[in-house]
N, C-alpha and C. Protein backbone atom coordinates (compact mmCIF):
# COMPACT_ATOMS: atom_id res chain seq x y z
N MET A 1 165.58 108.10 115.16
CA MET A 1 164.33 107.43 115.51
C MET A 1 163.64 106.96 114.23
N ILE A 2 163.16 105.72 114.21
CA ILE A 2 162.44 105.19 113.07
C ILE A 2 160.95 105.42 113.30
N ARG A 3 160.32 106.07 112.34
CA ARG A 3 158.88 106.31 112.43
C ARG A 3 158.15 105.39 111.46
N LYS A 4 157.09 104.79 111.92
CA LYS A 4 156.33 103.85 111.11
C LYS A 4 155.25 104.61 110.34
N ALA A 5 155.28 104.54 109.01
CA ALA A 5 154.33 105.28 108.19
C ALA A 5 153.04 104.52 107.98
N SER A 6 153.10 103.21 108.12
CA SER A 6 151.92 102.40 107.83
C SER A 6 152.07 101.05 108.52
N SER A 7 150.94 100.37 108.70
CA SER A 7 150.99 99.05 109.32
C SER A 7 151.51 97.99 108.36
N ALA A 8 151.51 98.29 107.06
CA ALA A 8 152.01 97.33 106.07
C ALA A 8 152.17 98.05 104.74
N SER A 9 152.98 97.48 103.87
CA SER A 9 153.24 98.12 102.57
C SER A 9 152.00 98.16 101.70
N VAL A 10 151.12 97.14 101.83
CA VAL A 10 149.90 97.12 101.02
C VAL A 10 149.05 98.34 101.31
N VAL A 11 148.90 98.66 102.59
CA VAL A 11 148.11 99.82 102.99
C VAL A 11 148.74 101.11 102.46
N LEU A 12 150.05 101.22 102.62
CA LEU A 12 150.75 102.42 102.19
C LEU A 12 150.65 102.63 100.68
N LEU A 13 150.79 101.55 99.91
CA LEU A 13 150.70 101.66 98.46
C LEU A 13 149.30 102.05 98.00
N LEU A 14 148.27 101.53 98.69
CA LEU A 14 146.91 101.93 98.34
C LEU A 14 146.67 103.40 98.64
N LEU A 15 147.16 103.87 99.78
CA LEU A 15 147.02 105.28 100.13
C LEU A 15 147.73 106.16 99.09
N CYS A 16 148.91 105.75 98.66
CA CYS A 16 149.64 106.51 97.64
C CYS A 16 148.88 106.53 96.33
N ALA A 17 148.36 105.37 95.92
CA ALA A 17 147.61 105.29 94.67
C ALA A 17 146.35 106.15 94.73
N THR A 18 145.66 106.11 95.87
CA THR A 18 144.43 106.91 96.03
C THR A 18 144.74 108.39 95.98
N ALA A 19 145.87 108.79 96.55
CA ALA A 19 146.25 110.21 96.58
C ALA A 19 146.73 110.71 95.23
N LEU A 20 147.39 109.85 94.46
CA LEU A 20 148.06 110.30 93.24
C LEU A 20 147.27 110.07 91.96
N LEU A 21 146.43 109.03 91.94
CA LEU A 21 145.74 108.67 90.70
C LEU A 21 144.39 109.37 90.58
N ASP A 22 144.13 109.90 89.39
CA ASP A 22 142.81 110.35 89.02
C ASP A 22 142.14 109.25 88.22
N PRO A 23 140.79 109.24 88.14
CA PRO A 23 140.11 108.19 87.36
C PRO A 23 140.67 108.09 85.95
N GLY A 24 141.06 106.88 85.56
CA GLY A 24 141.58 106.66 84.22
C GLY A 24 143.09 106.77 84.10
N ASP A 25 143.78 107.28 85.14
CA ASP A 25 145.23 107.37 85.09
C ASP A 25 145.85 105.98 85.00
N GLU A 26 146.98 105.89 84.32
CA GLU A 26 147.66 104.62 84.17
C GLU A 26 148.71 104.43 85.25
N MET A 27 148.79 103.22 85.75
CA MET A 27 149.79 102.85 86.76
C MET A 27 150.61 101.70 86.20
N ILE A 28 151.91 101.86 86.10
CA ILE A 28 152.78 100.83 85.54
C ILE A 28 153.20 99.88 86.65
N ILE A 29 152.97 98.59 86.42
CA ILE A 29 153.26 97.56 87.42
C ILE A 29 154.19 96.53 86.81
N PRO A 30 155.44 96.43 87.27
CA PRO A 30 156.32 95.36 86.79
C PRO A 30 155.77 94.01 87.24
N THR A 31 155.87 93.01 86.39
CA THR A 31 155.42 91.67 86.76
C THR A 31 156.56 90.68 86.59
N PRO A 32 156.55 89.58 87.36
CA PRO A 32 155.55 89.17 88.34
C PRO A 32 155.49 90.14 89.52
N CYS A 33 154.34 90.21 90.15
CA CYS A 33 154.16 91.15 91.25
C CYS A 33 153.27 90.53 92.31
N PHE A 34 153.21 91.19 93.46
CA PHE A 34 152.32 90.75 94.52
C PHE A 34 150.87 90.92 94.07
N VAL A 35 149.99 90.00 94.51
CA VAL A 35 148.64 89.93 93.96
C VAL A 35 147.80 91.17 94.21
N SER A 36 148.14 91.98 95.23
CA SER A 36 147.29 93.12 95.57
C SER A 36 147.57 94.36 94.71
N TYR A 37 148.69 94.40 93.98
CA TYR A 37 149.07 95.63 93.30
C TYR A 37 148.04 96.05 92.25
N GLN A 38 147.55 95.10 91.48
CA GLN A 38 146.56 95.42 90.45
C GLN A 38 145.26 95.90 91.09
N ALA A 39 144.87 95.27 92.21
CA ALA A 39 143.65 95.68 92.91
C ALA A 39 143.79 97.09 93.46
N GLU A 40 144.98 97.47 93.88
CA GLU A 40 145.19 98.83 94.40
C GLU A 40 144.97 99.87 93.32
N ALA A 41 145.47 99.61 92.11
CA ALA A 41 145.22 100.52 90.99
C ALA A 41 143.73 100.59 90.68
N TYR A 42 143.08 99.43 90.71
CA TYR A 42 141.64 99.36 90.42
C TYR A 42 140.84 100.15 91.45
N LEU A 43 141.12 99.93 92.73
CA LEU A 43 140.37 100.60 93.79
C LEU A 43 140.60 102.11 93.80
N ALA A 44 141.77 102.53 93.33
CA ALA A 44 142.09 103.96 93.29
C ALA A 44 141.49 104.65 92.06
N GLY A 45 140.84 103.88 91.20
CA GLY A 45 140.19 104.47 90.03
C GLY A 45 141.03 104.47 88.78
N GLY A 46 142.24 103.90 88.85
CA GLY A 46 143.12 103.91 87.70
C GLY A 46 143.04 102.64 86.88
N VAL A 47 143.83 102.62 85.81
CA VAL A 47 144.03 101.41 85.02
C VAL A 47 145.51 101.10 85.12
N TYR A 48 145.89 99.89 84.76
CA TYR A 48 147.29 99.55 84.93
C TYR A 48 147.88 98.93 83.67
N ASP A 49 149.14 99.30 83.42
CA ASP A 49 149.95 98.70 82.36
C ASP A 49 150.94 97.76 83.02
N GLN A 50 151.25 96.67 82.34
CA GLN A 50 152.24 95.74 82.85
C GLN A 50 153.41 95.71 81.87
N ARG A 51 154.57 96.12 82.30
CA ARG A 51 155.75 96.17 81.45
C ARG A 51 156.79 95.20 82.00
N ILE A 52 157.30 94.36 81.13
CA ILE A 52 158.27 93.36 81.52
C ILE A 52 159.65 93.80 81.01
N ALA A 53 160.57 94.10 81.90
CA ALA A 53 161.91 94.54 81.50
C ALA A 53 162.82 93.32 81.35
N GLU A 54 163.49 93.23 80.22
CA GLU A 54 164.44 92.15 79.98
C GLU A 54 165.84 92.60 80.35
N LEU A 55 166.75 91.65 80.52
CA LEU A 55 168.14 91.97 80.78
C LEU A 55 168.72 92.74 79.61
N GLY A 56 169.61 93.67 79.90
CA GLY A 56 170.22 94.46 78.84
C GLY A 56 169.41 95.69 78.50
N GLY A 57 168.39 95.99 79.27
CA GLY A 57 167.63 97.21 79.05
C GLY A 57 166.58 97.10 77.98
N LYS A 58 166.38 95.89 77.44
CA LYS A 58 165.36 95.73 76.40
C LYS A 58 164.00 95.55 77.05
N THR A 59 162.97 95.91 76.34
CA THR A 59 161.62 95.73 76.86
C THR A 59 160.76 95.05 75.83
N LYS A 60 159.78 94.33 76.30
CA LYS A 60 158.80 93.73 75.41
C LYS A 60 157.67 94.70 75.19
N PRO A 61 156.84 94.49 74.15
CA PRO A 61 155.69 95.38 73.93
C PRO A 61 154.80 95.45 75.15
N ILE A 62 154.21 96.60 75.36
CA ILE A 62 153.34 96.83 76.51
C ILE A 62 151.99 96.18 76.29
N THR A 63 151.53 95.42 77.27
CA THR A 63 150.20 94.85 77.24
C THR A 63 149.35 95.61 78.24
N LYS A 64 148.40 96.38 77.76
CA LYS A 64 147.56 97.18 78.66
C LYS A 64 146.44 96.31 79.22
N VAL A 65 146.32 96.33 80.52
CA VAL A 65 145.26 95.59 81.20
C VAL A 65 144.41 96.59 81.95
N SER A 66 143.15 96.69 81.62
CA SER A 66 142.30 97.72 82.20
C SER A 66 141.13 97.09 82.94
N ARG A 67 140.29 97.96 83.44
CA ARG A 67 139.06 97.48 84.05
C ARG A 67 138.20 96.79 82.99
N PRO A 68 137.33 95.89 83.42
CA PRO A 68 136.44 95.26 82.44
C PRO A 68 135.68 96.30 81.62
N ASP A 69 135.61 96.05 80.30
CA ASP A 69 134.92 96.99 79.42
C ASP A 69 133.42 97.02 79.70
N ASP A 70 132.87 95.90 80.07
CA ASP A 70 131.45 95.80 80.40
C ASP A 70 131.26 96.23 81.86
N PRO A 71 130.48 97.29 82.12
CA PRO A 71 130.33 97.76 83.51
C PRO A 71 129.64 96.76 84.43
N THR A 72 129.02 95.73 83.87
CA THR A 72 128.38 94.72 84.72
C THR A 72 129.36 93.64 85.15
N ILE A 73 130.58 93.65 84.60
CA ILE A 73 131.59 92.65 84.95
C ILE A 73 132.50 93.21 86.04
N VAL A 74 132.69 92.45 87.08
CA VAL A 74 133.50 92.86 88.23
C VAL A 74 134.58 91.80 88.46
N MET A 75 135.82 92.25 88.60
CA MET A 75 136.90 91.32 88.92
C MET A 75 136.64 90.63 90.24
N GLY A 76 136.74 89.31 90.25
CA GLY A 76 136.62 88.57 91.49
C GLY A 76 137.97 88.51 92.18
N ARG A 77 138.78 87.55 91.76
CA ARG A 77 140.13 87.43 92.32
C ARG A 77 141.04 86.69 91.36
N CYS A 78 142.28 87.11 91.28
CA CYS A 78 143.31 86.38 90.54
C CYS A 78 144.31 85.84 91.54
N HIS A 79 144.58 84.54 91.44
CA HIS A 79 145.46 83.91 92.42
C HIS A 79 145.89 82.54 91.90
N MET A 80 147.15 82.21 92.08
CA MET A 80 147.66 80.89 91.71
C MET A 80 147.33 80.52 90.26
N ASP A 81 147.65 81.43 89.34
CA ASP A 81 147.51 81.20 87.89
C ASP A 81 146.06 81.01 87.45
N SER A 82 145.13 81.63 88.14
CA SER A 82 143.73 81.57 87.74
C SER A 82 143.02 82.86 88.14
N CYS A 83 141.94 83.16 87.45
CA CYS A 83 141.12 84.34 87.75
C CYS A 83 139.65 83.97 87.67
N TRP A 84 138.83 84.70 88.42
CA TRP A 84 137.39 84.58 88.23
C TRP A 84 136.75 85.95 88.31
N TRP A 85 135.57 86.07 87.70
CA TRP A 85 134.86 87.35 87.60
C TRP A 85 133.39 87.18 87.95
N TRP A 86 132.80 88.29 88.38
CA TRP A 86 131.35 88.39 88.55
C TRP A 86 130.75 89.05 87.31
N LYS A 87 129.53 88.69 86.98
CA LYS A 87 128.74 89.43 86.00
C LYS A 87 127.40 89.74 86.65
N VAL A 88 127.18 91.02 86.98
CA VAL A 88 125.99 91.43 87.72
C VAL A 88 124.79 91.43 86.77
N VAL A 89 123.79 90.63 87.12
CA VAL A 89 122.56 90.53 86.32
C VAL A 89 121.55 91.57 86.78
N SER A 90 121.41 91.72 88.09
CA SER A 90 120.48 92.71 88.64
C SER A 90 120.96 93.13 90.03
N GLN A 91 120.49 94.27 90.45
CA GLN A 91 120.88 94.81 91.76
C GLN A 91 119.73 95.66 92.28
N GLU A 92 119.31 95.42 93.51
CA GLU A 92 118.22 96.20 94.08
C GLU A 92 118.42 96.39 95.58
N THR A 93 117.96 97.54 96.08
CA THR A 93 117.98 97.80 97.51
C THR A 93 116.75 97.16 98.14
N VAL A 94 116.98 96.26 99.07
CA VAL A 94 115.89 95.55 99.75
C VAL A 94 115.32 96.40 100.88
N ARG A 95 116.21 97.03 101.62
CA ARG A 95 115.78 97.83 102.78
C ARG A 95 116.90 98.78 103.18
N SER A 96 116.52 99.95 103.65
CA SER A 96 117.50 100.92 104.15
C SER A 96 117.17 101.26 105.59
N GLY A 97 118.19 101.58 106.36
CA GLY A 97 118.02 101.96 107.76
C GLY A 97 119.13 102.89 108.19
N VAL A 98 119.12 103.23 109.47
CA VAL A 98 120.12 104.15 110.01
C VAL A 98 121.51 103.54 109.92
N THR A 99 121.61 102.22 110.13
CA THR A 99 122.92 101.58 110.19
C THR A 99 123.48 101.21 108.83
N GLY A 100 122.62 101.16 107.81
CA GLY A 100 123.13 100.78 106.50
C GLY A 100 122.02 100.46 105.52
N ARG A 101 122.44 99.89 104.39
CA ARG A 101 121.51 99.59 103.28
C ARG A 101 121.74 98.14 102.84
N LEU A 102 120.65 97.36 102.81
CA LEU A 102 120.72 95.97 102.39
C LEU A 102 120.44 95.88 100.89
N VAL A 103 121.40 95.31 100.15
CA VAL A 103 121.30 95.23 98.69
C VAL A 103 121.34 93.77 98.27
N LYS A 104 120.44 93.40 97.37
CA LYS A 104 120.46 92.05 96.80
C LYS A 104 121.01 92.11 95.39
N VAL A 105 122.03 91.31 95.14
CA VAL A 105 122.66 91.24 93.82
C VAL A 105 122.48 89.84 93.26
N MET A 106 122.06 89.77 92.01
CA MET A 106 122.04 88.51 91.29
C MET A 106 123.21 88.54 90.32
N ALA A 107 124.08 87.55 90.41
CA ALA A 107 125.30 87.59 89.60
C ALA A 107 125.72 86.20 89.16
N ARG A 108 126.30 86.14 87.98
CA ARG A 108 126.92 84.92 87.47
C ARG A 108 128.43 85.02 87.63
N THR A 109 129.12 83.90 87.56
CA THR A 109 130.57 83.91 87.65
C THR A 109 131.17 83.09 86.50
N THR A 110 132.42 83.40 86.20
CA THR A 110 133.19 82.61 85.24
C THR A 110 134.61 82.48 85.77
N TYR A 111 135.29 81.45 85.32
CA TYR A 111 136.61 81.10 85.88
C TYR A 111 137.54 80.71 84.74
N GLU A 112 138.78 81.17 84.81
CA GLU A 112 139.77 80.82 83.79
C GLU A 112 141.10 80.50 84.43
N GLU A 113 141.80 79.53 83.85
CA GLU A 113 143.13 79.17 84.30
C GLU A 113 144.16 79.58 83.24
N PHE A 114 145.37 79.88 83.69
CA PHE A 114 146.44 80.31 82.80
C PHE A 114 147.71 79.54 83.15
N SER A 115 148.60 79.44 82.18
CA SER A 115 149.88 78.80 82.46
C SER A 115 150.75 79.77 83.27
N SER A 116 151.67 79.21 84.02
CA SER A 116 152.58 80.05 84.80
C SER A 116 153.40 80.95 83.90
N ASP A 117 153.78 80.44 82.74
CA ASP A 117 154.55 81.25 81.78
C ASP A 117 153.74 82.44 81.29
N HIS A 118 152.45 82.21 81.04
CA HIS A 118 151.59 83.30 80.58
C HIS A 118 151.48 84.39 81.64
N VAL A 119 151.28 83.99 82.89
CA VAL A 119 151.15 84.97 83.97
C VAL A 119 152.46 85.73 84.17
N GLU A 120 153.59 85.02 84.06
CA GLU A 120 154.88 85.66 84.24
C GLU A 120 155.15 86.68 83.14
N GLN A 121 154.74 86.37 81.92
CA GLN A 121 155.01 87.25 80.79
C GLN A 121 153.99 88.38 80.64
N HIS A 122 152.74 88.09 80.93
CA HIS A 122 151.67 89.06 80.65
C HIS A 122 150.88 89.51 81.87
N GLY A 123 151.08 88.86 83.00
CA GLY A 123 150.27 89.20 84.15
C GLY A 123 148.87 88.63 84.01
N TYR A 124 147.98 89.03 84.89
CA TYR A 124 146.59 88.58 84.84
C TYR A 124 145.76 89.54 84.01
N PRO A 125 144.78 89.05 83.29
CA PRO A 125 143.94 89.93 82.46
C PRO A 125 142.90 90.66 83.30
N GLY A 126 142.52 91.85 82.85
CA GLY A 126 141.45 92.58 83.53
C GLY A 126 140.07 92.12 83.10
N ASN A 127 140.00 91.45 81.93
CA ASN A 127 138.73 91.01 81.38
C ASN A 127 138.74 89.51 81.13
N PRO A 128 137.60 88.85 81.29
CA PRO A 128 137.52 87.45 80.86
C PRO A 128 137.50 87.40 79.34
N ARG A 129 137.79 86.25 78.78
CA ARG A 129 137.73 86.10 77.33
C ARG A 129 136.31 86.34 76.83
N SER A 130 136.20 86.79 75.58
CA SER A 130 134.86 87.03 75.01
C SER A 130 134.08 85.73 74.89
N THR A 131 134.80 84.60 74.88
CA THR A 131 134.15 83.29 74.78
C THR A 131 133.92 82.64 76.15
N ALA A 132 134.13 83.42 77.22
CA ALA A 132 133.99 82.87 78.57
C ALA A 132 132.59 82.29 78.78
N LYS A 133 132.53 81.17 79.47
CA LYS A 133 131.26 80.53 79.79
C LYS A 133 130.84 80.92 81.20
N TRP A 134 129.71 81.59 81.30
CA TRP A 134 129.19 82.04 82.59
C TRP A 134 128.21 81.02 83.15
N ASP A 135 128.09 81.00 84.48
CA ASP A 135 127.10 80.12 85.11
C ASP A 135 125.73 80.35 84.49
N GLU A 136 125.00 79.27 84.26
CA GLU A 136 123.67 79.42 83.67
C GLU A 136 122.71 80.11 84.63
N GLN A 137 122.78 79.72 85.90
CA GLN A 137 121.88 80.31 86.89
C GLN A 137 122.64 81.32 87.75
N PRO A 138 122.15 82.55 87.82
CA PRO A 138 122.83 83.54 88.69
C PRO A 138 122.65 83.19 90.16
N MET A 139 123.64 83.52 90.96
CA MET A 139 123.55 83.30 92.40
C MET A 139 123.05 84.57 93.09
N GLU A 140 122.44 84.38 94.23
CA GLU A 140 121.89 85.48 95.02
C GLU A 140 122.91 85.87 96.09
N VAL A 141 123.29 87.13 96.09
CA VAL A 141 124.26 87.63 97.06
C VAL A 141 123.67 88.86 97.75
N TYR A 142 123.71 88.88 99.07
CA TYR A 142 123.25 90.05 99.83
C TYR A 142 124.47 90.82 100.36
N LEU A 143 124.39 92.12 100.25
CA LEU A 143 125.45 93.00 100.73
C LEU A 143 124.84 94.00 101.71
N PHE A 144 125.54 94.24 102.81
CA PHE A 144 125.10 95.27 103.75
C PHE A 144 126.05 96.45 103.61
N CYS A 145 125.56 97.50 102.95
CA CYS A 145 126.38 98.69 102.69
C CYS A 145 126.37 99.57 103.94
N SER A 146 127.49 99.61 104.64
CA SER A 146 127.52 100.26 105.94
C SER A 146 128.94 100.72 106.25
N LYS A 147 129.04 101.86 106.94
CA LYS A 147 130.34 102.36 107.37
C LYS A 147 130.90 101.54 108.53
N THR A 148 130.01 101.05 109.40
CA THR A 148 130.46 100.35 110.60
C THR A 148 130.39 98.83 110.49
N LEU A 149 129.63 98.33 109.52
CA LEU A 149 129.50 96.88 109.36
C LEU A 149 129.39 96.51 107.87
N PRO A 150 130.42 96.81 107.08
CA PRO A 150 130.37 96.45 105.66
C PRO A 150 130.47 94.94 105.51
N ALA A 151 129.45 94.32 104.94
CA ALA A 151 129.41 92.86 104.99
C ALA A 151 128.78 92.25 103.76
N VAL A 152 129.25 91.05 103.46
CA VAL A 152 128.60 90.16 102.50
C VAL A 152 127.85 89.12 103.32
N ILE A 153 126.58 88.92 102.99
CA ILE A 153 125.75 87.99 103.74
C ILE A 153 125.58 86.73 102.90
N ASP A 154 126.25 85.67 103.31
CA ASP A 154 126.34 84.45 102.52
C ASP A 154 125.49 83.35 103.14
N PHE A 155 124.78 82.61 102.29
CA PHE A 155 123.94 81.52 102.79
C PHE A 155 124.79 80.28 103.01
N ASP A 156 124.77 79.75 104.24
CA ASP A 156 125.51 78.55 104.60
C ASP A 156 124.58 77.35 104.44
N LYS A 157 124.88 76.50 103.46
CA LYS A 157 123.99 75.37 103.16
C LYS A 157 123.96 74.35 104.29
N ASP A 158 125.07 74.23 105.00
CA ASP A 158 125.11 73.26 106.10
C ASP A 158 124.28 73.74 107.29
N LEU A 159 124.41 75.00 107.63
CA LEU A 159 123.66 75.55 108.76
C LEU A 159 122.23 75.90 108.39
N ARG A 160 121.99 76.08 107.08
CA ARG A 160 120.69 76.56 106.59
C ARG A 160 120.38 77.94 107.16
N LYS A 161 121.43 78.72 107.34
CA LYS A 161 121.29 80.09 107.83
C LYS A 161 122.25 80.98 107.06
N TYR A 162 122.16 82.28 107.31
CA TYR A 162 123.03 83.24 106.65
C TYR A 162 124.18 83.63 107.58
N GLN A 163 125.35 83.78 107.00
CA GLN A 163 126.54 84.14 107.76
C GLN A 163 127.16 85.41 107.20
N LEU A 164 127.56 86.31 108.10
CA LEU A 164 128.20 87.56 107.68
C LEU A 164 129.69 87.36 107.46
N VAL A 165 130.17 87.93 106.37
CA VAL A 165 131.60 87.99 106.10
C VAL A 165 131.96 89.46 105.92
N ILE A 166 132.86 89.96 106.76
CA ILE A 166 133.35 91.33 106.62
C ILE A 166 134.63 91.27 105.81
N PRO A 167 134.61 91.68 104.54
CA PRO A 167 135.76 91.45 103.66
C PRO A 167 136.86 92.50 103.75
N PHE A 168 136.72 93.46 104.66
CA PHE A 168 137.69 94.54 104.76
C PHE A 168 138.26 94.65 106.17
N ASP A 169 139.41 95.31 106.26
CA ASP A 169 139.84 95.93 107.49
C ASP A 169 139.37 97.38 107.44
N ASN A 170 139.61 98.15 108.49
CA ASN A 170 139.16 99.54 108.51
C ASN A 170 139.79 100.39 107.41
N ASP A 171 140.95 99.97 106.91
CA ASP A 171 141.61 100.73 105.85
C ASP A 171 141.01 100.48 104.48
N GLY A 172 139.99 99.61 104.39
CA GLY A 172 139.36 99.33 103.12
C GLY A 172 140.07 98.29 102.28
N ILE A 173 141.09 97.64 102.85
CA ILE A 173 141.84 96.62 102.14
C ILE A 173 141.23 95.26 102.42
N SER A 174 140.98 94.50 101.35
CA SER A 174 140.48 93.14 101.52
C SER A 174 141.64 92.22 101.87
N TRP A 175 141.33 91.05 102.37
CA TRP A 175 142.39 90.12 102.78
C TRP A 175 142.10 88.74 102.21
N GLY A 176 143.12 88.20 101.53
CA GLY A 176 143.06 86.82 101.05
C GLY A 176 141.84 86.50 100.22
N TYR A 177 141.16 85.41 100.63
CA TYR A 177 140.06 84.89 99.83
C TYR A 177 138.86 85.84 99.79
N THR A 178 138.82 86.86 100.66
CA THR A 178 137.68 87.77 100.66
C THR A 178 137.76 88.83 99.56
N GLU A 179 138.83 88.82 98.77
CA GLU A 179 139.00 89.85 97.75
C GLU A 179 137.84 89.88 96.75
N GLY A 180 137.36 88.70 96.34
CA GLY A 180 136.26 88.65 95.38
C GLY A 180 134.99 89.25 95.93
N ALA A 181 134.66 88.93 97.19
CA ALA A 181 133.49 89.50 97.85
C ALA A 181 133.65 91.01 98.02
N ALA A 182 134.88 91.43 98.37
CA ALA A 182 135.14 92.86 98.57
C ALA A 182 134.95 93.64 97.28
N ASN A 183 135.40 93.09 96.17
CA ASN A 183 135.26 93.79 94.89
C ASN A 183 133.80 93.94 94.49
N LEU A 184 132.98 92.92 94.76
CA LEU A 184 131.55 93.03 94.47
C LEU A 184 130.91 94.08 95.37
N TYR A 185 131.31 94.10 96.64
CA TYR A 185 130.80 95.10 97.58
C TYR A 185 131.14 96.51 97.10
N VAL A 186 132.39 96.73 96.71
CA VAL A 186 132.82 98.06 96.25
C VAL A 186 132.03 98.47 95.01
N HIS A 187 131.77 97.52 94.13
CA HIS A 187 131.00 97.82 92.91
C HIS A 187 129.57 98.21 93.23
N ALA A 188 128.91 97.43 94.09
CA ALA A 188 127.49 97.64 94.36
C ALA A 188 127.22 98.73 95.39
N CYS A 189 128.08 98.83 96.40
CA CYS A 189 127.82 99.76 97.50
C CYS A 189 128.52 101.10 97.33
N ASN A 190 129.70 101.09 96.73
CA ASN A 190 130.51 102.31 96.67
C ASN A 190 130.69 102.85 95.25
N ASN A 191 129.93 102.29 94.31
CA ASN A 191 130.05 102.72 92.92
C ASN A 191 131.48 102.62 92.40
N GLY A 192 132.17 101.57 92.85
CA GLY A 192 133.51 101.31 92.37
C GLY A 192 134.62 102.07 93.07
N GLN A 193 134.29 102.87 94.08
CA GLN A 193 135.30 103.67 94.77
C GLN A 193 135.67 103.02 96.11
N SER A 194 136.93 103.15 96.51
CA SER A 194 137.37 102.59 97.78
C SER A 194 137.11 103.57 98.91
N PHE A 195 136.81 103.03 100.09
CA PHE A 195 136.54 103.85 101.27
C PHE A 195 137.24 103.23 102.47
N THR A 196 137.34 104.01 103.53
CA THR A 196 137.76 103.46 104.82
C THR A 196 136.51 103.23 105.67
N TYR A 197 136.66 102.44 106.73
CA TYR A 197 135.50 102.05 107.53
C TYR A 197 135.79 102.24 109.01
N ASP A 198 134.75 102.09 109.80
CA ASP A 198 134.86 102.22 111.25
C ASP A 198 134.25 100.96 111.88
N ILE A 199 134.87 99.83 111.60
CA ILE A 199 134.36 98.53 112.04
C ILE A 199 134.76 98.28 113.49
N LYS A 200 133.79 97.94 114.29
CA LYS A 200 134.09 97.62 115.69
C LYS A 200 134.89 96.33 115.77
N PRO A 201 135.90 96.28 116.63
CA PRO A 201 136.69 95.04 116.77
C PRO A 201 135.83 93.82 117.07
N ALA A 202 134.78 94.02 117.83
CA ALA A 202 133.90 92.89 118.17
C ALA A 202 133.22 92.33 116.93
N TYR A 203 132.88 93.20 115.96
CA TYR A 203 132.27 92.75 114.72
C TYR A 203 133.26 91.94 113.89
N ALA A 204 134.49 92.46 113.79
CA ALA A 204 135.50 91.83 112.95
C ALA A 204 135.86 90.43 113.44
N GLU A 205 135.76 90.22 114.74
CA GLU A 205 136.19 88.95 115.32
C GLU A 205 135.04 87.97 115.54
N ALA A 206 133.81 88.45 115.46
CA ALA A 206 132.66 87.60 115.77
C ALA A 206 132.20 86.78 114.57
N LYS A 207 131.65 85.62 114.84
CA LYS A 207 130.97 84.82 113.82
C LYS A 207 129.49 85.13 113.91
N ILE A 208 128.99 85.88 112.94
CA ILE A 208 127.62 86.40 113.00
C ILE A 208 126.72 85.56 112.11
N ILE A 209 125.72 84.94 112.72
CA ILE A 209 124.77 84.07 112.02
C ILE A 209 123.39 84.70 112.07
N LEU A 210 122.69 84.72 110.93
CA LEU A 210 121.37 85.31 110.83
C LEU A 210 120.38 84.30 110.24
N ASP A 211 119.12 84.38 110.68
CA ASP A 211 118.08 83.56 110.07
C ASP A 211 117.71 84.09 108.69
N LEU A 212 117.64 85.42 108.58
CA LEU A 212 117.30 86.09 107.33
C LEU A 212 118.24 87.27 107.12
N PRO A 213 118.51 87.67 105.88
CA PRO A 213 119.38 88.83 105.66
C PRO A 213 118.89 90.09 106.35
N GLU A 214 117.55 90.28 106.41
CA GLU A 214 116.98 91.48 107.02
C GLU A 214 117.27 91.58 108.51
N ASP A 215 117.65 90.45 109.13
CA ASP A 215 117.96 90.46 110.57
C ASP A 215 119.19 91.27 110.89
N ILE A 216 119.96 91.65 109.87
CA ILE A 216 121.14 92.47 110.09
C ILE A 216 120.79 93.81 110.74
N PHE A 217 119.58 94.29 110.50
CA PHE A 217 119.17 95.58 111.05
C PHE A 217 118.93 95.53 112.56
N SER A 218 118.72 94.35 113.09
CA SER A 218 118.51 94.22 114.54
C SER A 218 119.76 93.71 115.25
N PHE A 219 120.84 93.53 114.49
CA PHE A 219 122.07 93.03 115.10
C PHE A 219 122.76 94.15 115.86
N ARG A 220 123.27 93.86 117.04
CA ARG A 220 123.99 94.83 117.87
C ARG A 220 125.34 94.24 118.27
């Protein structure tokens, strides 16, 4: 009989990393690799080394890629030979309630592109360059820190209203383009630690529109 250990390898690898890694432990990741592997090490509290094995058993020097040295810098997402990062300018709790905590974050972003050869040889960097150019004006991002409705509240310029984005599944894994929002949520709401959630299926599938971020407290 074949027993299924997990719904997907990404989930299983994150569970293994969370169980085995202590904060600061190193995780070796061969590259090129699937985009989620580095995030799994990050969410589990570890740092990661990228080692490239050559034919004949030779290896190139190890390039250590760690979490951003500046605690205000948060990895956004690396994908298709490019990366972007958040730089948190300020963070404050707007309101707390039984269902969760509404947090306002002011953050700048920066973006860098890399050659395919660079990514293949060195992987993606954990830090932006010291000469990175950040947005002049920080953007306003609202986060709802909640076990049952973990959400990023994004302003839709076309609707002139706020829209909820739930960047996780219940296992705490982000999906696709929501990875950047998920990383900011983990930084601001969970102090950088990964958690599991109890999201109602109706929430995950619904398109939730709000007039104001504070309206999240009256949402059912």
